[in-house]
Every structure is written in structure tokens, then in C-alpha cells.
Amino acid sequence: SSRGTDAFIHMAIERWRQIEETLNIEIDAKVLAYILSTDQ
């Protein structure tokens, strides 16, 4: 783990929050993990 790991987790949480606010629904962690894993 490194500062890069911290930055990734911060980015993931911010993206999670943005997606939920845009859709106005809760997104499961599994769904977010899939979304992020397919983002090249």
C-alpha cells in the first residue's frame, strides 16, 4: 500500500458518491467494484 492506494480509495469513494447522487439510489459495493474494474 502507498499514497497511490490512498488516492485510489479516495477517488473510488468520491465516484461512488457522485454516481449515487446522479441516480438518486444506493449503489452496492459490488456494483461499484465492477464499474471501476471495467474502467480502463
Full PDB file with SEQRES, HELIX, SHEET, SSBOND, CRYST1, ORIGX, SCALE, CONECT and MASTER records, all heavy atoms in Angstrom:
SEQRES   1 A   40  SER SER ARG GLY THR ASP ALA PHE ILE HIS MET ALA ILE          
SEQRES   2 A   40  GLU ARG TRP ARG GLN ILE GLU GLU THR LEU ASN ILE GLU          
SEQRES   3 A   40  ILE ASP ALA LYS VAL LEU ALA TYR ILE LEU SER THR ASP          
SEQRES   4 A   40  GLN                                                          
HELIX    1 AA1 ARG A    3  LEU A   23  1                                  21    
HELIX    2 AA2 ALA A   29  THR A   38  1                                  10    
CRYST1    1.000    1.000    1.000  90.00  90.00  90.00 P 1           1          
ORIGX1      1.000000  0.000000  0.000000        0.00000                         
ORIGX2      0.000000  1.000000  0.000000        0.00000                         
ORIGX3      0.000000  0.000000  1.000000        0.00000                         
SCALE1      1.000000  0.000000  0.000000        0.00000                         
SCALE2      0.000000  1.000000  0.000000        0.00000                         
SCALE3      0.000000  0.000000  1.000000        0.00000                         
ATOM      1  N   SER A   1       0.842  -1.195   0.000  1.00  0.00           N  
ATOM      2  CA  SER A   1       0.000   0.000   0.000  1.00  0.00           C  
ATOM      3  C   SER A   1       0.877   1.245   0.000  1.00  0.00           C  
ATOM      4  O   SER A   1       1.994   1.237   0.515  1.00  0.00           O  
ATOM      5  CB  SER A   1      -0.907   0.018   1.228  1.00  0.00           C  
ATOM      6  OG  SER A   1      -1.829  -1.038   1.165  1.00  0.00           O  
ATOM      7  N   SER A   2       0.347   2.315  -0.587  1.00  0.00           N  
ATOM      8  CA  SER A   2       1.121   3.544  -0.700  1.00  0.00           C  
ATOM      9  C   SER A   2       0.167   4.730  -0.734  1.00  0.00           C  
ATOM     10  O   SER A   2      -1.045   4.584  -0.578  1.00  0.00           O  
ATOM     11  CB  SER A   2       1.950   3.515  -1.980  1.00  0.00           C  
ATOM     12  OG  SER A   2       1.085   3.515  -3.108  1.00  0.00           O  
ATOM     13  N   ARG A   3       0.724   5.901  -0.977  1.00  0.00           N  
ATOM     14  CA  ARG A   3      -0.116   7.090  -1.157  1.00  0.00           C  
ATOM     15  C   ARG A   3      -1.028   6.913  -2.371  1.00  0.00           C  
ATOM     16  O   ARG A   3      -2.127   7.422  -2.406  1.00  0.00           O  
ATOM     17  CB  ARG A   3       0.751   8.331  -1.326  1.00  0.00           C  
ATOM     18  CG  ARG A   3       1.466   8.742  -0.066  1.00  0.00           C  
ATOM     19  CD  ARG A   3       2.271  10.009  -0.330  1.00  0.00           C  
ATOM     20  NE  ARG A   3       3.144  10.292   0.774  1.00  0.00           N  
ATOM     21  CZ  ARG A   3       2.841  11.146   1.746  1.00  0.00           C  
ATOM     22  NH1 ARG A   3       1.700  11.779   1.715  1.00  0.00           N  
ATOM     23  NH2 ARG A   3       3.686  11.363   2.725  1.00  0.00           N  
ATOM     24  N   GLY A   4      -0.556   6.165  -3.349  1.00  0.00           N  
ATOM     25  CA  GLY A   4      -1.373   5.873  -4.525  1.00  0.00           C  
ATOM     26  C   GLY A   4      -2.613   5.064  -4.156  1.00  0.00           C  
ATOM     27  O   GLY A   4      -3.694   5.280  -4.705  1.00  0.00           O  
ATOM     28  N   THR A   5      -2.453   4.139  -3.223  1.00  0.00           N  
ATOM     29  CA  THR A   5      -3.592   3.358  -2.731  1.00  0.00           C  
ATOM     30  C   THR A   5      -4.603   4.272  -2.062  1.00  0.00           C  
ATOM     31  O   THR A   5      -5.805   4.173  -2.307  1.00  0.00           O  
ATOM     32  CB  THR A   5      -3.127   2.287  -1.719  1.00  0.00           C  
ATOM     33  OG1 THR A   5      -2.070   1.534  -2.283  1.00  0.00           O  
ATOM     34  CG2 THR A   5      -4.262   1.366  -1.336  1.00  0.00           C  
ATOM     35  N   ASP A   6      -4.101   5.177  -1.217  1.00  0.00           N  
ATOM     36  CA  ASP A   6      -4.981   6.141  -0.542  1.00  0.00           C  
ATOM     37  C   ASP A   6      -5.714   7.000  -1.564  1.00  0.00           C  
ATOM     38  O   ASP A   6      -6.914   7.244  -1.437  1.00  0.00           O  
ATOM     39  CB  ASP A   6      -4.181   7.035   0.406  1.00  0.00           C  
ATOM     40  CG  ASP A   6      -3.547   6.265   1.545  1.00  0.00           C  
ATOM     41  OD1 ASP A   6      -3.972   5.112   1.790  1.00  0.00           O  
ATOM     42  OD2 ASP A   6      -2.632   6.817   2.183  1.00  0.00           O  
ATOM     43  N   ALA A   7      -5.002   7.453  -2.592  1.00  0.00           N  
ATOM     44  CA  ALA A   7      -5.612   8.290  -3.634  1.00  0.00           C  
ATOM     45  C   ALA A   7      -6.675   7.499  -4.390  1.00  0.00           C  
ATOM     46  O   ALA A   7      -7.738   8.041  -4.719  1.00  0.00           O  
ATOM     47  CB  ALA A   7      -4.543   8.809  -4.587  1.00  0.00           C  
ATOM     48  N   PHE A   8      -6.389   6.223  -4.663  1.00  0.00           N  
ATOM     49  CA  PHE A   8      -7.377   5.397  -5.367  1.00  0.00           C  
ATOM     50  C   PHE A   8      -8.645   5.224  -4.533  1.00  0.00           C  
ATOM     51  O   PHE A   8      -9.755   5.350  -5.045  1.00  0.00           O  
ATOM     52  CB  PHE A   8      -6.796   4.020  -5.719  1.00  0.00           C  
ATOM     53  CG  PHE A   8      -7.832   3.125  -6.323  1.00  0.00           C  
ATOM     54  CD1 PHE A   8      -8.173   3.252  -7.655  1.00  0.00           C  
ATOM     55  CD2 PHE A   8      -8.502   2.198  -5.554  1.00  0.00           C  
ATOM     56  CE1 PHE A   8      -9.160   2.460  -8.217  1.00  0.00           C  
ATOM     57  CE2 PHE A   8      -9.483   1.393  -6.100  1.00  0.00           C  
ATOM     58  CZ  PHE A   8      -9.811   1.528  -7.434  1.00  0.00           C  
ATOM     59  N   ILE A   9      -8.477   4.930  -3.244  1.00  0.00           N  
ATOM     60  CA  ILE A   9      -9.643   4.743  -2.371  1.00  0.00           C  
ATOM     61  C   ILE A   9     -10.450   6.037  -2.296  1.00  0.00           C  
ATOM     62  O   ILE A   9     -11.682   6.008  -2.367  1.00  0.00           O  
ATOM     63  CB  ILE A   9      -9.210   4.256  -0.971  1.00  0.00           C  
ATOM     64  CG1 ILE A   9      -8.637   2.843  -1.073  1.00  0.00           C  
ATOM     65  CG2 ILE A   9     -10.373   4.290   0.007  1.00  0.00           C  
ATOM     66  CD1 ILE A   9      -7.955   2.357   0.187  1.00  0.00           C  
ATOM     67  N   HIS A  10      -9.770   7.158  -2.180  1.00  0.00           N  
ATOM     68  CA  HIS A  10     -10.462   8.457  -2.149  1.00  0.00           C  
ATOM     69  C   HIS A  10     -11.237   8.682  -3.442  1.00  0.00           C  
ATOM     70  O   HIS A  10     -12.401   9.090  -3.424  1.00  0.00           O  
ATOM     71  CB  HIS A  10      -9.447   9.583  -1.916  1.00  0.00           C  
ATOM     72  CG  HIS A  10     -10.081  10.919  -1.815  1.00  0.00           C  
ATOM     73  ND1 HIS A  10     -10.189  11.772  -2.892  1.00  0.00           N  
ATOM     74  CD2 HIS A  10     -10.663  11.551  -0.765  1.00  0.00           C  
ATOM     75  CE1 HIS A  10     -10.802  12.869  -2.507  1.00  0.00           C  
ATOM     76  NE2 HIS A  10     -11.109  12.764  -1.222  1.00  0.00           N  
ATOM     77  N   MET A  11     -10.602   8.410  -4.596  1.00  0.00           N  
ATOM     78  CA  MET A  11     -11.272   8.560  -5.886  1.00  0.00           C  
ATOM     79  C   MET A  11     -12.489   7.636  -5.973  1.00  0.00           C  
ATOM     80  O   MET A  11     -13.554   8.041  -6.435  1.00  0.00           O  
ATOM     81  CB  MET A  11     -10.284   8.253  -7.017  1.00  0.00           C  
ATOM     82  CG  MET A  11     -10.882   8.339  -8.425  1.00  0.00           C  
ATOM     83  SD  MET A  11     -11.823   6.907  -9.040  1.00  0.00           S  
ATOM     84  CE  MET A  11     -10.683   5.573  -8.826  1.00  0.00           C  
ATOM     85  N   ALA A  12     -12.343   6.392  -5.505  1.00  0.00           N  
ATOM     86  CA  ALA A  12     -13.442   5.426  -5.578  1.00  0.00           C  
ATOM     87  C   ALA A  12     -14.633   5.885  -4.734  1.00  0.00           C  
ATOM     88  O   ALA A  12     -15.786   5.819  -5.170  1.00  0.00           O  
ATOM     89  CB  ALA A  12     -12.974   4.047  -5.122  1.00  0.00           C  
ATOM     90  N   ILE A  13     -14.355   6.380  -3.531  1.00  0.00           N  
ATOM     91  CA  ILE A  13     -15.442   6.846  -2.657  1.00  0.00           C  
ATOM     92  C   ILE A  13     -16.124   8.075  -3.243  1.00  0.00           C  
ATOM     93  O   ILE A  13     -17.356   8.188  -3.212  1.00  0.00           O  
ATOM     94  CB  ILE A  13     -14.907   7.103  -1.235  1.00  0.00           C  
ATOM     95  CG1 ILE A  13     -14.519   5.771  -0.585  1.00  0.00           C  
ATOM     96  CG2 ILE A  13     -15.930   7.835  -0.385  1.00  0.00           C  
ATOM     97  CD1 ILE A  13     -13.763   5.896   0.708  1.00  0.00           C  
ATOM     98  N   GLU A  14     -15.336   8.996  -3.802  1.00  0.00           N  
ATOM     99  CA  GLU A  14     -15.924  10.184  -4.432  1.00  0.00           C  
ATOM    100  C   GLU A  14     -16.773   9.792  -5.643  1.00  0.00           C  
ATOM    101  O   GLU A  14     -17.865  10.323  -5.840  1.00  0.00           O  
ATOM    102  CB  GLU A  14     -14.841  11.176  -4.850  1.00  0.00           C  
ATOM    103  CG  GLU A  14     -14.236  11.924  -3.697  1.00  0.00           C  
ATOM    104  CD  GLU A  14     -15.276  12.742  -2.941  1.00  0.00           C  
ATOM    105  OE1 GLU A  14     -16.070  13.453  -3.582  1.00  0.00           O  
ATOM    106  OE2 GLU A  14     -15.305  12.647  -1.696  1.00  0.00           O  
ATOM    107  N   ARG A  15     -16.289   8.862  -6.445  1.00  0.00           N  
ATOM    108  CA  ARG A  15     -17.056   8.411  -7.617  1.00  0.00           C  
ATOM    109  C   ARG A  15     -18.334   7.705  -7.179  1.00  0.00           C  
ATOM    110  O   ARG A  15     -19.389   7.883  -7.783  1.00  0.00           O  
ATOM    111  CB  ARG A  15     -16.189   7.489  -8.461  1.00  0.00           C  
ATOM    112  CG  ARG A  15     -16.824   7.087  -9.753  1.00  0.00           C  
ATOM    113  CD  ARG A  15     -15.875   7.254 -10.903  1.00  0.00           C  
ATOM    114  NE  ARG A  15     -16.478   6.750 -12.107  1.00  0.00           N  
ATOM    115  CZ  ARG A  15     -15.879   5.943 -12.962  1.00  0.00           C  
ATOM    116  NH1 ARG A  15     -14.630   5.584 -12.764  1.00  0.00           N  
ATOM    117  NH2 ARG A  15     -16.495   5.517 -14.016  1.00  0.00           N  
ATOM    118  N   TRP A  16     -18.255   6.928  -6.107  1.00  0.00           N  
ATOM    119  CA  TRP A  16     -19.412   6.230  -5.537  1.00  0.00           C  
ATOM    120  C   TRP A  16     -20.466   7.260  -5.152  1.00  0.00           C  
ATOM    121  O   TRP A  16     -21.634   7.129  -5.480  1.00  0.00           O  
ATOM    122  CB  TRP A  16     -18.957   5.441  -4.325  1.00  0.00           C  
ATOM    123  CG  TRP A  16     -19.845   4.347  -3.842  1.00  0.00           C  
ATOM    124  CD1 TRP A  16     -21.134   4.076  -4.220  1.00  0.00           C  
ATOM    125  CD2 TRP A  16     -19.513   3.362  -2.860  1.00  0.00           C  
ATOM    126  NE1 TRP A  16     -21.610   2.984  -3.530  1.00  0.00           N  
ATOM    127  CE2 TRP A  16     -20.635   2.534  -2.707  1.00  0.00           C  
ATOM    128  CE3 TRP A  16     -18.382   3.112  -2.110  1.00  0.00           C  
ATOM    129  CZ2 TRP A  16     -20.642   1.463  -1.804  1.00  0.00           C  
ATOM    130  CZ3 TRP A  16     -18.392   2.038  -1.227  1.00  0.00           C  
ATOM    131  CH2 TRP A  16     -19.512   1.226  -1.086  1.00  0.00           C  
ATOM    132  N   ARG A  17     -20.026   8.292  -4.448  1.00  0.00           N  
ATOM    133  CA  ARG A  17     -20.937   9.349  -4.005  1.00  0.00           C  
ATOM    134  C   ARG A  17     -21.574  10.063  -5.206  1.00  0.00           C  
ATOM    135  O   ARG A  17     -22.776  10.317  -5.224  1.00  0.00           O  
ATOM    136  CB  ARG A  17     -20.165  10.342  -3.130  1.00  0.00           C  
ATOM    137  CG  ARG A  17     -21.044  11.251  -2.339  1.00  0.00           C  
ATOM    138  CD  ARG A  17     -20.244  12.098  -1.365  1.00  0.00           C  
ATOM    139  NE  ARG A  17     -19.669  11.252  -0.315  1.00  0.00           N  
ATOM    140  CZ  ARG A  17     -18.414  11.333   0.113  1.00  0.00           C  
ATOM    141  NH1 ARG A  17     -17.591  12.214  -0.379  1.00  0.00           N  
ATOM    142  NH2 ARG A  17     -17.984  10.534   1.058  1.00  0.00           N  
ATOM    143  N   GLN A  18     -20.779  10.356  -6.231  1.00  0.00           N  
ATOM    144  CA  GLN A  18     -21.294  11.036  -7.427  1.00  0.00           C  
ATOM    145  C   GLN A  18     -22.330  10.183  -8.158  1.00  0.00           C  
ATOM    146  O   GLN A  18     -23.375  10.690  -8.581  1.00  0.00           O  
ATOM    147  CB  GLN A  18     -20.151  11.372  -8.384  1.00  0.00           C  
ATOM    148  CG  GLN A  18     -19.231  12.452  -7.884  1.00  0.00           C  
ATOM    149  CD  GLN A  18     -17.991  12.588  -8.753  1.00  0.00           C  
ATOM    150  OE1 GLN A  18     -17.763  11.790  -9.672  1.00  0.00           O  
ATOM    151  NE2 GLN A  18     -17.170  13.584  -8.444  1.00  0.00           N  
ATOM    152  N   ILE A  19     -22.049   8.903  -8.310  1.00  0.00           N  
ATOM    153  CA  ILE A  19     -22.984   8.001  -9.006  1.00  0.00           C  
ATOM    154  C   ILE A  19     -24.295   7.920  -8.231  1.00  0.00           C  
ATOM    155  O   ILE A  19     -25.381   7.991  -8.816  1.00  0.00           O  
ATOM    156  CB  ILE A  19     -22.362   6.610  -9.206  1.00  0.00           C  
ATOM    157  CG1 ILE A  19     -21.199   6.684 -10.196  1.00  0.00           C  
ATOM    158  CG2 ILE A  19     -23.415   5.608  -9.682  1.00  0.00           C  
ATOM    159  CD1 ILE A  19     -20.374   5.409 -10.284  1.00  0.00           C  
ATOM    160  N   GLU A  20     -24.206   7.777  -6.908  1.00  0.00           N  
ATOM    161  CA  GLU A  20     -25.423   7.699  -6.092  1.00  0.00           C  
ATOM    162  C   GLU A  20     -26.227   8.997  -6.165  1.00  0.00           C  
ATOM    163  O   GLU A  20     -27.453   8.963  -6.248  1.00  0.00           O  
ATOM    164  CB  GLU A  20     -25.068   7.371  -4.645  1.00  0.00           C  
ATOM    165  CG  GLU A  20     -24.649   5.942  -4.446  1.00  0.00           C  
ATOM    166  CD  GLU A  20     -24.349   5.582  -3.004  1.00  0.00           C  
ATOM    167  OE1 GLU A  20     -24.043   6.491  -2.193  1.00  0.00           O  
ATOM    168  OE2 GLU A  20     -24.445   4.388  -2.678  1.00  0.00           O  
ATOM    169  N   GLU A  21     -25.564  10.136  -6.148  1.00  0.00           N  
ATOM    170  CA  GLU A  21     -26.273  11.408  -6.234  1.00  0.00           C  
ATOM    171  C   GLU A  21     -26.908  11.588  -7.601  1.00  0.00           C  
ATOM    172  O   GLU A  21     -28.023  12.091  -7.719  1.00  0.00           O  
ATOM    173  CB  GLU A  21     -25.323  12.569  -5.928  1.00  0.00           C  
ATOM    174  CG  GLU A  21     -24.971  12.681  -4.465  1.00  0.00           C  
ATOM    175  CD  GLU A  21     -23.948  13.774  -4.189  1.00  0.00           C  
ATOM    176  OE1 GLU A  21     -23.557  14.506  -5.127  1.00  0.00           O  
ATOM    177  OE2 GLU A  21     -23.536  13.889  -3.020  1.00  0.00           O  
ATOM    178  N   THR A  22     -26.223  11.171  -8.649  1.00  0.00           N  
ATOM    179  CA  THR A  22     -26.766  11.285 -10.003  1.00  0.00           C  
ATOM    180  C   THR A  22     -27.995  10.404 -10.187  1.00  0.00           C  
ATOM    181  O   THR A  22     -29.014  10.842 -10.728  1.00  0.00           O  
ATOM    182  CB  THR A  22     -25.697  10.893 -11.046  1.00  0.00           C  
ATOM    183  OG1 THR A  22     -24.575  11.761 -10.894  1.00  0.00           O  
ATOM    184  CG2 THR A  22     -26.243  11.002 -12.456  1.00  0.00           C  
ATOM    185  N   LEU A  23     -27.920   9.158  -9.721  1.00  0.00           N  
ATOM    186  CA  LEU A  23     -29.018   8.208  -9.896  1.00  0.00           C  
ATOM    187  C   LEU A  23     -30.070   8.305  -8.797  1.00  0.00           C  
ATOM    188  O   LEU A  23     -31.162   7.764  -8.945  1.00  0.00           O  
ATOM    189  CB  LEU A  23     -28.467   6.782  -9.955  1.00  0.00           C  
ATOM    190  CG  LEU A  23     -27.501   6.483 -11.105  1.00  0.00           C  
ATOM    191  CD1 LEU A  23     -26.957   5.077 -10.978  1.00  0.00           C  
ATOM    192  CD2 LEU A  23     -28.188   6.687 -12.445  1.00  0.00           C  
ATOM    193  N   ASN A  24     -29.712   8.925  -7.680  1.00  0.00           N  
ATOM    194  CA  ASN A  24     -30.597   9.063  -6.529  1.00  0.00           C  
ATOM    195  C   ASN A  24     -31.017   7.705  -5.952  1.00  0.00           C  
ATOM    196  O   ASN A  24     -32.149   7.522  -5.520  1.00  0.00           O  
ATOM    197  CB  ASN A  24     -31.814   9.927  -6.864  1.00  0.00           C  
ATOM    198  CG  ASN A  24     -32.443  10.509  -5.629  1.00  0.00           C  
ATOM    199  OD1 ASN A  24     -31.782  10.712  -4.619  1.00  0.00           O  
ATOM    200  ND2 ASN A  24     -33.729  10.783  -5.698  1.00  0.00           N  
ATOM    201  N   ILE A  25     -30.093   6.756  -5.985  1.00  0.00           N  
ATOM    202  CA  ILE A  25     -30.293   5.438  -5.379  1.00  0.00           C  
ATOM    203  C   ILE A  25     -28.978   4.994  -4.750  1.00  0.00           C  
ATOM    204  O   ILE A  25     -27.914   5.503  -5.084  1.00  0.00           O  
ATOM    205  CB  ILE A  25     -30.753   4.363  -6.393  1.00  0.00           C  
ATOM    206  CG1 ILE A  25     -29.721   4.196  -7.514  1.00  0.00           C  
ATOM    207  CG2 ILE A  25     -32.125   4.673  -6.943  1.00  0.00           C  
ATOM    208  CD1 ILE A  25     -29.993   3.022  -8.436  1.00  0.00           C  
ATOM    209  N   GLU A  26     -29.052   4.021  -3.820  1.00  0.00           N  
ATOM    210  CA  GLU A  26     -27.847   3.449  -3.236  1.00  0.00           C  
ATOM    211  C   GLU A  26     -27.239   2.456  -4.222  1.00  0.00           C  
ATOM    212  O   GLU A  26     -27.956   1.673  -4.851  1.00  0.00           O  
ATOM    213  CB  GLU A  26     -28.171   2.713  -1.938  1.00  0.00           C  
ATOM    214  CG  GLU A  26     -28.518   3.622  -0.805  1.00  0.00           C  
ATOM    215  CD  GLU A  26     -28.821   2.861   0.481  1.00  0.00           C  
ATOM    216  OE1 GLU A  26     -28.953   1.615   0.453  1.00  0.00           O  
ATOM    217  OE2 GLU A  26     -28.938   3.525   1.518  1.00  0.00           O  
ATOM    218  N   ILE A  27     -25.930   2.506  -4.341  1.00  0.00           N  
ATOM    219  CA  ILE A  27     -25.211   1.576  -5.202  1.00  0.00           C  
ATOM    220  C   ILE A  27     -24.435   0.614  -4.301  1.00  0.00           C  
ATOM    221  O   ILE A  27     -23.699   1.041  -3.419  1.00  0.00           O  
ATOM    222  CB  ILE A  27     -24.228   2.330  -6.135  1.00  0.00           C  
ATOM    223  CG1 ILE A  27     -24.971   3.325  -7.028  1.00  0.00           C  
ATOM    224  CG2 ILE A  27     -23.408   1.363  -6.966  1.00  0.00           C  
ATOM    225  CD1 ILE A  27     -25.934   2.695  -8.006  1.00  0.00           C  
ATOM    226  N   ASP A  28     -24.588  -0.665  -4.545  1.00  0.00           N  
ATOM    227  CA  ASP A  28     -23.901  -1.690  -3.770  1.00  0.00           C  
ATOM    228  C   ASP A  28     -22.403  -1.650  -4.068  1.00  0.00           C  
ATOM    229  O   ASP A  28     -21.986  -1.298  -5.180  1.00  0.00           O  
ATOM    230  CB  ASP A  28     -24.475  -3.059  -4.130  1.00  0.00           C  
ATOM    231  CG  ASP A  28     -23.925  -4.154  -3.259  1.00  0.00           C  
ATOM    232  OD1 ASP A  28     -24.056  -4.048  -2.026  1.00  0.00           O  
ATOM    233  OD2 ASP A  28     -23.354  -5.115  -3.813  1.00  0.00           O  
ATOM    234  N   ALA A  29     -21.591  -2.016  -3.102  1.00  0.00           N  
ATOM    235  CA  ALA A  29     -20.134  -2.023  -3.271  1.00  0.00           C  
ATOM    236  C   ALA A  29     -19.709  -2.952  -4.405  1.00  0.00           C  
ATOM    237  O   ALA A  29     -18.749  -2.665  -5.123  1.00  0.00           O  
ATOM    238  CB  ALA A  29     -19.462  -2.439  -1.968  1.00  0.00           C  
ATOM    239  N   LYS A  30     -20.427  -4.054  -4.602  1.00  0.00           N  
ATOM    240  CA  LYS A  30     -20.099  -4.978  -5.690  1.00  0.00           C  
ATOM    241  C   LYS A  30     -20.309  -4.323  -7.049  1.00  0.00           C  
ATOM    242  O   LYS A  30     -19.528  -4.527  -7.976  1.00  0.00           O  
ATOM    243  CB  LYS A  30     -20.948  -6.243  -5.592  1.00  0.00           C  
ATOM    244  CG  LYS A  30     -20.613  -7.101  -4.403  1.00  0.00           C  
ATOM    245  CD  LYS A  30     -21.541  -8.286  -4.306  1.00  0.00           C  
ATOM    246  CE  LYS A  30     -21.256  -9.058  -3.039  1.00  0.00           C  
ATOM    247  NZ  LYS A  30     -22.184 -10.160  -2.853  1.00  0.00           N  
ATOM    248  N   VAL A  31     -21.368  -3.537  -7.165  1.00  0.00           N  
ATOM    249  CA  VAL A  31     -21.656  -2.846  -8.420  1.00  0.00           C  
ATOM    250  C   VAL A  31     -20.579  -1.807  -8.704  1.00  0.00           C  
ATOM    251  O   VAL A  31     -20.074  -1.702  -9.819  1.00  0.00           O  
ATOM    252  CB  VAL A  31     -23.061  -2.196  -8.387  1.00  0.00           C  
ATOM    253  CG1 VAL A  31     -23.301  -1.349  -9.619  1.00  0.00           C  
ATOM    254  CG2 VAL A  31     -24.132  -3.262  -8.229  1.00  0.00           C  
ATOM    255  N   LEU A  32     -20.212  -1.041  -7.677  1.00  0.00           N  
ATOM    256  CA  LEU A  32     -19.164  -0.036  -7.862  1.00  0.00           C  
ATOM    257  C   LEU A  32     -17.843  -0.703  -8.221  1.00  0.00           C  
ATOM    258  O   LEU A  32     -17.132  -0.226  -9.108  1.00  0.00           O  
ATOM    259  CB  LEU A  32     -18.995   0.816  -6.609  1.00  0.00           C  
ATOM    260  CG  LEU A  32     -17.906   1.880  -6.767  1.00  0.00           C  
ATOM    261  CD1 LEU A  32     -18.369   2.989  -7.705  1.00  0.00           C  
ATOM    262  CD2 LEU A  32     -17.501   2.447  -5.439  1.00  0.00           C  
ATOM    263  N   ALA A  33     -17.514  -1.807  -7.563  1.00  0.00           N  
ATOM    264  CA  ALA A  33     -16.268  -2.515  -7.873  1.00  0.00           C  
ATOM    265  C   ALA A  33     -16.264  -2.964  -9.329  1.00  0.00           C  
ATOM    266  O   ALA A  33     -15.238  -2.862 -10.017  1.00  0.00           O  
ATOM    267  CB  ALA A  33     -16.090  -3.708  -6.946  1.00  0.00           C  
ATOM    268  N   TYR A  34     -17.400  -3.417  -9.823  1.00  0.00           N  
ATOM    269  CA  TYR A  34     -17.487  -3.827 -11.230  1.00  0.00           C  
ATOM    270  C   TYR A  34     -17.302  -2.626 -12.156  1.00  0.00           C  
ATOM    271  O   TYR A  34     -16.560  -2.691 -13.134  1.00  0.00           O  
ATOM    272  CB  TYR A  34     -18.816  -4.524 -11.524  1.00  0.00           C  
ATOM    273  CG  TYR A  34     -18.935  -4.900 -12.980  1.00  0.00           C  
ATOM    274  CD1 TYR A  34     -18.250  -5.994 -13.481  1.00  0.00           C  
ATOM    275  CD2 TYR A  34     -19.704  -4.135 -13.851  1.00  0.00           C  
ATOM    276  CE1 TYR A  34     -18.325  -6.321 -14.825  1.00  0.00           C  
ATOM    277  CE2 TYR A  34     -19.789  -4.458 -15.191  1.00  0.00           C  
ATOM    278  CZ  TYR A  34     -19.092  -5.553 -15.671  1.00  0.00           C  
ATOM    279  OH  TYR A  34     -19.166  -5.875 -17.001  1.00  0.00           O  
ATOM    280  N   ILE A  35     -17.976  -1.524 -11.846  1.00  0.00           N  
ATOM    281  CA  ILE A  35     -17.857  -0.316 -12.670  1.00  0.00           C  
ATOM    282  C   ILE A  35     -16.400   0.137 -12.745  1.00  0.00           C  
ATOM    283  O   ILE A  35     -15.874   0.416 -13.822  1.00  0.00           O  
ATOM    284  CB  ILE A  35     -18.755   0.813 -12.116  1.00  0.00           C  
ATOM    285  CG1 ILE A  35     -20.221   0.466 -12.319  1.00  0.00           C  
ATOM    286  CG2 ILE A  35     -18.422   2.150 -12.773  1.00  0.00           C  
ATOM    287  CD1 ILE A  35     -21.177   1.388 -11.567  1.00  0.00           C  
ATOM    288  N   LEU A  36     -15.745   0.208 -11.589  1.00  0.00           N  
ATOM    289  CA  LEU A  36     -14.360   0.665 -11.557  1.00  0.00           C  
ATOM    290  C   LEU A  36     -13.413  -0.330 -12.210  1.00  0.00           C  
ATOM    291  O   LEU A  36     -12.424   0.055 -12.832  1.00  0.00           O  
ATOM    292  CB  LEU A  36     -13.928   0.944 -10.118  1.00  0.00           C  
ATOM    293  CG  LEU A  36     -14.643   2.093  -9.411  1.00  0.00           C  
ATOM    294  CD1 LEU A  36     -14.178   2.199  -7.965  1.00  0.00           C  
ATOM    295  CD2 LEU A  36     -14.458   3.413 -10.137  1.00  0.00           C  
ATOM    296  N   SER A  37     -13.705  -1.623 -12.083  1.00  0.00           N  
ATOM    297  CA  SER A  37     -12.811  -2.636 -12.655  1.00  0.00           C  
ATOM    298  C   SER A  37     -12.858  -2.657 -14.175  1.00  0.00           C  
ATOM    299  O   SER A  37     -11.900  -3.089 -14.814  1.00  0.00           O  
ATOM    300  CB  SER A  37     -13.142  -4.026 -12.109  1.00  0.00           C  
ATOM    301  OG  SER A  37     -14.371  -4.493 -12.623  1.00  0.00           O  
ATOM    302  N   THR A  38     -13.951  -2.188 -14.762  1.00  0.00           N  
ATOM    303  CA  THR A  38     -14.055  -2.166 -16.221  1.00  0.00           C  
ATOM    304  C   THR A  38     -13.582  -0.851 -16.820  1.00  0.00           C  
ATOM    305  O   THR A  38     -13.488  -0.736 -18.036  1.00  0.00           O  
ATOM    306  CB  THR A  38     -15.511  -2.427 -16.672  1.00  0.00           C  
ATOM    307  OG1 THR A  38     -16.363  -1.425 -16.108  1.00  0.00           O  
ATOM    308  CG2 THR A  38     -15.971  -3.800 -16.256  1.00  0.00           C  
ATOM    309  N   ASP A  39     -13.270   0.135 -15.978  1.00  0.00           N  
ATOM    310  CA  ASP A  39     -12.791   1.436 -16.450  1.00  0.00           C  
ATOM    311  C   ASP A  39     -11.294   1.337 -16.738  1.00  0.00           C  
ATOM    312  O   ASP A  39     -10.485   1.257 -15.823  1.00  0.00           O  
ATOM    313  CB  ASP A  39     -13.073   2.512 -15.394  1.00  0.00           C  
ATOM    314  CG  ASP A  39     -12.783   3.909 -15.887  1.00  0.00           C  
ATOM    315  OD1 ASP A  39     -12.082   4.052 -16.921  1.00  0.00           O  
ATOM    316  OD2 ASP A  39     -13.248   4.863 -15.238  1.00  0.00           O  
ATOM    317  N   GLN A  40     -10.939   1.335 -18.007  1.00  0.00           N  
ATOM    318  CA  GLN A  40      -9.540   1.177 -18.400  1.00  0.00           C  
ATOM    319  C   GLN A  40      -8.698   2.422 -18.106  1.00  0.00           C  
ATOM    320  O   GLN A  40      -7.471   2.373 -18.156  1.00  0.00           O  
ATOM    321  CB  GLN A  40      -9.451   0.826 -19.891  1.00  0.00           C  
ATOM    322  CG  GLN A  40     -10.113  -0.483 -20.236  1.00  0.00           C  
ATOM    323  CD  GLN A  40      -9.538  -1.655 -19.457  1.00  0.00           C  
ATOM    324  OE1 GLN A  40      -8.327  -1.766 -19.272  1.00  0.00           O  
ATOM    325  NE2 GLN A  40     -10.402  -2.537 -18.984  1.00  0.00           N  
TER     326      GLN A  40                                                      
MASTER        0    0    0    2    0    0    0    6  325    1    0    4          
END                                                                             
